[in-house]
């Protein structure tokens, strides 16, 4: 099929055939994050990691299971989807390492916890780890916000024909956008942890579990809004902004 695409390119115009979508081996299903299949996979992961644990907790409580047992069982659910993807793809990049580490920390805290209040604080402690990890990478060669966003945005926003590797090397403004984004994500995760501590220590346990699960969604939406506003003002989505080289200048993919 690729040969047929290349054969259709108009001679002498420099027109390149459109790249073929990435597919899941053996299925022919697109797995690119921006595709319908990618959005469906993300929705399934959100269901497994956020909704199912809370629903399972309340189902166990309705069956007169104790607080601690219900919380421990529910805490075993998140991360299973991520592990399944890593096993299937047989690779572990920085994002995958981050997700696996977060899951292991969560599981370890569940095992160590002996009281329901401590187990409720597990979410806060996990967000502290998340926030600290973001902040630790902010000045490094590849900030964590860049690693998470690149599969979703590179080639789909801004100067679409420019490699982000080249931008990282040649554009201080581009580096600044992702360093600031990483710091904001880290600070947001630490603020989220503080709210979780207040919820875990002051509210009834059954109510706190539901609010803690809801808070993941609220936090994600709020941070995405903040990030999109900041990155739009910084020019990330505008191919004419100073983040990108002018036409004919710079290295392209």
Protein backbone atom coordinates (compact mmCIF):
# COMPACT_ATOMS: atom_id res chain seq x y z
CA UNK A 1 0.00 0.00 0.00
CA UNK A 2 2.83 2.39 0.80
CA UNK A 3 4.29 1.83 -2.68
CA UNK A 4 0.93 2.73 -4.22
CA UNK A 5 0.82 5.93 -2.16
CA UNK A 6 4.30 6.91 -3.30
CA UNK A 7 3.38 6.17 -6.89
CA UNK A 8 0.44 8.57 -6.63
CA UNK A 9 2.65 11.48 -5.52
CA UNK A 10 2.65 14.08 -8.27
CA UNK A 11 6.03 14.07 -10.01
CA UNK A 12 8.09 17.23 -9.68
CA UNK A 13 5.90 18.86 -7.07
CA UNK A 14 7.62 17.59 -3.93
CA UNK A 15 4.27 16.41 -2.68
CA UNK A 16 4.71 13.59 -0.24
CA UNK A 17 2.12 10.87 0.34
CA UNK A 18 0.21 11.04 3.59
CA UNK A 19 1.71 8.80 6.27
CA UNK A 20 -0.16 5.67 7.03
CA UNK A 21 -1.85 5.53 10.42
CA UNK A 22 -0.24 3.44 13.09
CA UNK A 23 -2.05 0.18 13.64
CA UNK A 24 -2.16 -2.35 16.40
CA UNK A 25 -0.24 -5.42 15.24
CA UNK A 26 -2.51 -8.11 13.92
CA UNK A 27 -5.72 -6.05 14.16
CA UNK A 28 -5.46 -3.25 11.64
CA UNK A 29 -6.95 -0.93 14.26
CA UNK A 30 -5.56 2.57 14.52
CA UNK A 31 -3.95 3.24 17.88
CA UNK A 32 -2.81 6.81 17.38
CA UNK A 33 -4.01 8.93 20.33
CA UNK A 34 -5.99 11.35 18.16
CA UNK A 35 -7.98 8.65 16.38
CA UNK A 36 -11.36 7.29 17.37
CA UNK A 37 -9.73 4.03 18.49
CA UNK A 38 -7.23 5.99 20.59
CA UNK A 39 -9.99 7.99 22.27
CA UNK A 40 -11.94 4.81 22.92
CA UNK A 41 -8.89 3.18 24.51
CA UNK A 42 -8.36 6.27 26.69
CA UNK A 43 -12.00 6.14 27.80
CA UNK A 44 -11.65 2.47 28.73
CA UNK A 45 -8.52 3.20 30.76
CA UNK A 46 -10.30 6.04 32.56
CA UNK A 47 -13.22 3.73 33.34
CA UNK A 48 -10.90 1.05 34.73
CA UNK A 49 -8.61 3.40 36.66
CA UNK A 50 -11.10 5.95 38.04
CA UNK A 51 -14.71 4.80 37.92
CA UNK A 52 -14.41 1.07 38.57
CA UNK A 53 -12.47 1.32 41.87
CA UNK A 54 -15.07 3.67 43.39
CA UNK A 55 -17.97 1.56 42.14
CA UNK A 56 -16.31 -1.58 43.46
CA UNK A 57 -15.79 0.04 46.86
CA UNK A 58 -19.45 0.97 47.23
CA UNK A 59 -20.55 -2.47 46.00
CA UNK A 60 -18.40 -4.12 48.67
CA UNK A 61 -19.64 -1.76 51.36
CA UNK A 62 -23.24 -2.57 50.37
CA UNK A 63 -22.33 -6.22 50.97
CA UNK A 64 -21.19 -5.31 54.52
CA UNK A 65 -17.48 -5.59 53.69
CA UNK A 66 -15.32 -3.53 56.07
CA UNK A 67 -13.75 -0.19 55.18
CA UNK A 68 -10.18 -1.45 54.96
CA UNK A 69 -10.96 -4.54 52.87
CA UNK A 70 -13.13 -2.55 50.44
CA UNK A 71 -10.46 0.12 50.05
CA UNK A 72 -7.67 -2.42 49.50
CA UNK A 73 -9.62 -4.35 46.87
CA UNK A 74 -10.54 -1.14 45.05
CA UNK A 75 -6.93 0.04 45.08
CA UNK A 76 -5.80 -3.07 43.17
CA UNK A 77 -7.79 -2.08 40.07
CA UNK A 78 -6.03 1.14 38.90
CA UNK A 79 -2.98 0.59 36.73
CA UNK A 80 -4.02 -2.80 35.36
CA UNK A 81 -4.84 -1.25 31.99
CA UNK A 82 -1.44 0.42 31.83
CA UNK A 83 0.32 -2.83 32.69
CA UNK A 84 -1.65 -4.65 29.99
CA UNK A 85 -0.52 -2.10 27.39
CA UNK A 86 3.11 -2.36 28.50
CA UNK A 87 3.02 -6.16 28.35
CA UNK A 88 1.44 -6.09 24.89
CA UNK A 89 3.89 -3.54 23.45
CA UNK A 90 6.90 -5.00 25.33
CA UNK A 91 8.54 -1.65 25.87
CA UNK A 92 8.94 0.77 28.76
CA UNK A 93 9.60 4.44 27.96
CA UNK A 94 9.73 7.29 30.48
CA UNK A 95 5.95 7.68 30.49
CA UNK A 96 5.44 3.96 31.01
CA UNK A 97 8.03 3.98 33.79
CA UNK A 98 6.17 6.83 35.44
CA UNK A 99 2.83 4.98 35.31
CA UNK A 100 4.27 1.69 36.57
CA UNK A 101 6.10 3.45 39.41
CA UNK A 102 2.93 5.25 40.46
CA UNK A 103 1.03 1.96 40.47
CA UNK A 104 3.71 0.24 42.56
CA UNK A 105 3.72 3.08 45.08
CA UNK A 106 -0.06 2.85 45.32
CA UNK A 107 0.03 -0.91 45.83
CA UNK A 108 2.76 -0.63 48.46
CA UNK A 109 0.82 1.96 50.44
CA UNK A 110 -2.27 -0.26 50.30
CA UNK A 111 -0.33 -3.17 51.81
CA UNK A 112 1.21 -1.01 54.55
CA UNK A 113 -2.02 0.70 55.49
CA UNK A 114 -3.94 -0.64 58.46
CA UNK A 115 -6.61 2.00 58.93
CA UNK A 116 -9.20 3.38 56.48
CA UNK A 117 -7.98 6.94 57.07
CA UNK A 118 -4.45 5.92 56.10
CA UNK A 119 -5.73 4.25 52.96
CA UNK A 120 -7.63 7.40 52.06
CA UNK A 121 -4.39 9.34 52.47
CA UNK A 122 -2.83 6.98 49.90
CA UNK A 123 -4.25 9.11 47.10
CA UNK A 124 -2.66 12.23 48.59
CA UNK A 125 0.70 10.52 48.99
CA UNK A 126 0.53 9.29 45.41
CA UNK A 127 -0.14 12.82 44.17
CA UNK A 128 2.88 14.03 46.16
CA UNK A 129 4.98 11.46 44.29
CA UNK A 130 3.45 12.59 40.97
CA UNK A 131 4.05 16.27 41.74
CA UNK A 132 7.60 15.63 42.88
CA UNK A 133 8.37 13.62 39.75
CA UNK A 134 7.11 16.41 37.49
CA UNK A 135 9.14 19.04 39.36
CA UNK A 136 12.26 16.84 39.35
CA UNK A 137 12.19 16.60 35.54
CA UNK A 138 11.41 20.27 34.88
CA UNK A 139 15.07 21.25 34.39
CA UNK A 140 16.10 17.97 32.78
CA UNK A 141 16.59 17.17 29.11
CA UNK A 142 13.02 15.91 28.69
CA UNK A 143 10.42 17.41 31.07
CA UNK A 144 7.62 15.03 31.92
CA UNK A 145 4.89 17.27 30.47
CA UNK A 146 6.68 17.09 27.12
CA UNK A 147 6.86 13.30 27.28
CA UNK A 148 3.14 12.99 28.00
CA UNK A 149 2.06 15.56 25.40
CA UNK A 150 4.31 14.64 22.50
CA UNK A 151 2.38 11.56 21.30
CA UNK A 152 -0.82 13.64 21.32
CA UNK A 153 0.39 16.92 19.82
CA UNK A 154 3.50 16.49 17.68
CA UNK A 155 2.56 16.74 14.01
CA UNK A 156 -0.98 17.82 14.91
CA UNK A 157 -0.51 21.35 16.23
CA UNK A 158 1.72 24.33 15.54
CA UNK A 159 4.33 23.85 12.83
CA UNK A 160 3.32 20.30 11.95
CA UNK A 161 6.30 19.49 9.73
CA UNK A 162 8.94 20.40 12.32
CA UNK A 163 10.43 17.76 14.59
CA UNK A 164 10.11 18.43 18.29
CA UNK A 165 13.65 17.11 18.72
CA UNK A 166 14.86 19.93 16.47
CA UNK A 167 12.67 22.45 18.27
CA UNK A 168 14.00 21.36 21.64
CA UNK A 169 17.57 21.88 20.47
CA UNK A 170 17.07 25.13 18.56
CA UNK A 171 14.23 27.00 20.30
CA UNK A 172 14.71 28.34 23.86
CA UNK A 173 11.07 29.48 23.85
CA UNK A 174 9.91 25.96 23.03
CA UNK A 175 11.98 24.55 25.90
CA UNK A 176 10.57 27.18 28.23
CA UNK A 177 6.97 26.26 27.35
CA UNK A 178 7.52 22.66 28.40
CA UNK A 179 9.55 23.48 31.47
CA UNK A 180 6.82 25.85 32.69
CA UNK A 181 4.12 23.30 31.79
CA UNK A 182 5.94 20.65 33.82
CA UNK A 183 6.26 22.95 36.84
CA UNK A 184 2.56 23.84 36.66
CA UNK A 185 1.57 20.17 36.51
CA UNK A 186 3.83 19.43 39.48
CA UNK A 187 2.48 22.33 41.55
CA UNK A 188 -1.07 21.34 40.64
CA UNK A 189 -0.48 17.76 41.80
CA UNK A 190 0.86 19.00 45.15
CA UNK A 191 -2.18 21.28 45.58
CA UNK A 192 -4.42 18.32 44.75
CA UNK A 193 -2.62 16.29 47.43
CA UNK A 194 -3.33 18.98 50.04
CA UNK A 195 -7.05 18.90 49.22
CA UNK A 196 -7.04 15.10 49.48
CA UNK A 197 -5.50 15.27 52.93
CA UNK A 198 -8.26 17.62 54.09
CA UNK A 199 -10.95 15.33 52.63
CA UNK A 200 -9.44 12.16 54.12
CA UNK A 201 -9.07 13.57 57.62
CA UNK A 202 -12.30 15.55 58.00
CA UNK A 203 -15.11 13.82 56.08
CA UNK A 204 -16.95 10.52 56.68
CA UNK A 205 -15.08 7.67 55.04
CA UNK A 206 -17.80 6.62 52.60
CA UNK A 207 -18.23 10.23 51.42
CA UNK A 208 -14.47 10.79 51.22
CA UNK A 209 -14.02 7.80 48.90
CA UNK A 210 -16.53 9.18 46.39
CA UNK A 211 -15.11 12.70 46.52
CA UNK A 212 -11.55 11.41 46.12
CA UNK A 213 -12.56 9.51 42.98
CA UNK A 214 -14.41 12.55 41.61
CA UNK A 215 -11.42 14.74 42.35
CA UNK A 216 -9.26 12.91 39.81
CA UNK A 217 -11.63 13.99 37.06
CA UNK A 218 -11.91 17.56 38.37
CA UNK A 219 -8.14 17.85 38.69
CA UNK A 220 -7.54 16.51 35.18
CA UNK A 221 -10.07 18.83 33.55
CA UNK A 222 -8.84 21.87 35.48
CA UNK A 223 -5.20 21.22 34.65
CA UNK A 224 -5.96 20.60 30.97
CA UNK A 225 -7.82 23.93 30.78
CA UNK A 226 -4.93 25.75 32.46
CA UNK A 227 -2.40 24.07 30.18
CA UNK A 228 -4.34 24.78 27.00
CA UNK A 229 -4.78 28.45 27.90
CA UNK A 230 -1.11 28.87 28.79
CA UNK A 231 0.18 27.01 25.75
CA UNK A 232 -2.14 28.90 23.42
CA UNK A 233 -0.92 32.24 24.83
CA UNK A 234 2.67 31.00 24.51
CA UNK A 235 2.08 30.26 20.81
CA UNK A 236 2.40 26.47 20.89
CA UNK A 237 -0.64 25.99 18.63
CA UNK A 238 0.18 28.85 16.24
CA UNK A 239 2.59 27.83 13.45
CA UNK A 240 3.43 31.53 12.93
CA UNK A 241 4.57 32.10 16.53
CA UNK A 242 8.16 32.65 17.52
CA UNK A 243 8.40 29.11 18.87
CA UNK A 244 8.80 27.83 15.32
CA UNK A 245 11.29 28.59 12.56
CA UNK A 246 10.14 30.70 9.64
CA UNK A 247 9.45 28.82 6.36
CA UNK A 248 12.68 27.61 4.79
CA UNK A 249 14.64 28.00 8.02
CA UNK A 250 15.44 25.21 10.46
CA UNK A 251 15.49 21.48 10.26
CA UNK A 252 12.38 19.60 9.23
CA UNK A 253 11.45 15.98 9.54
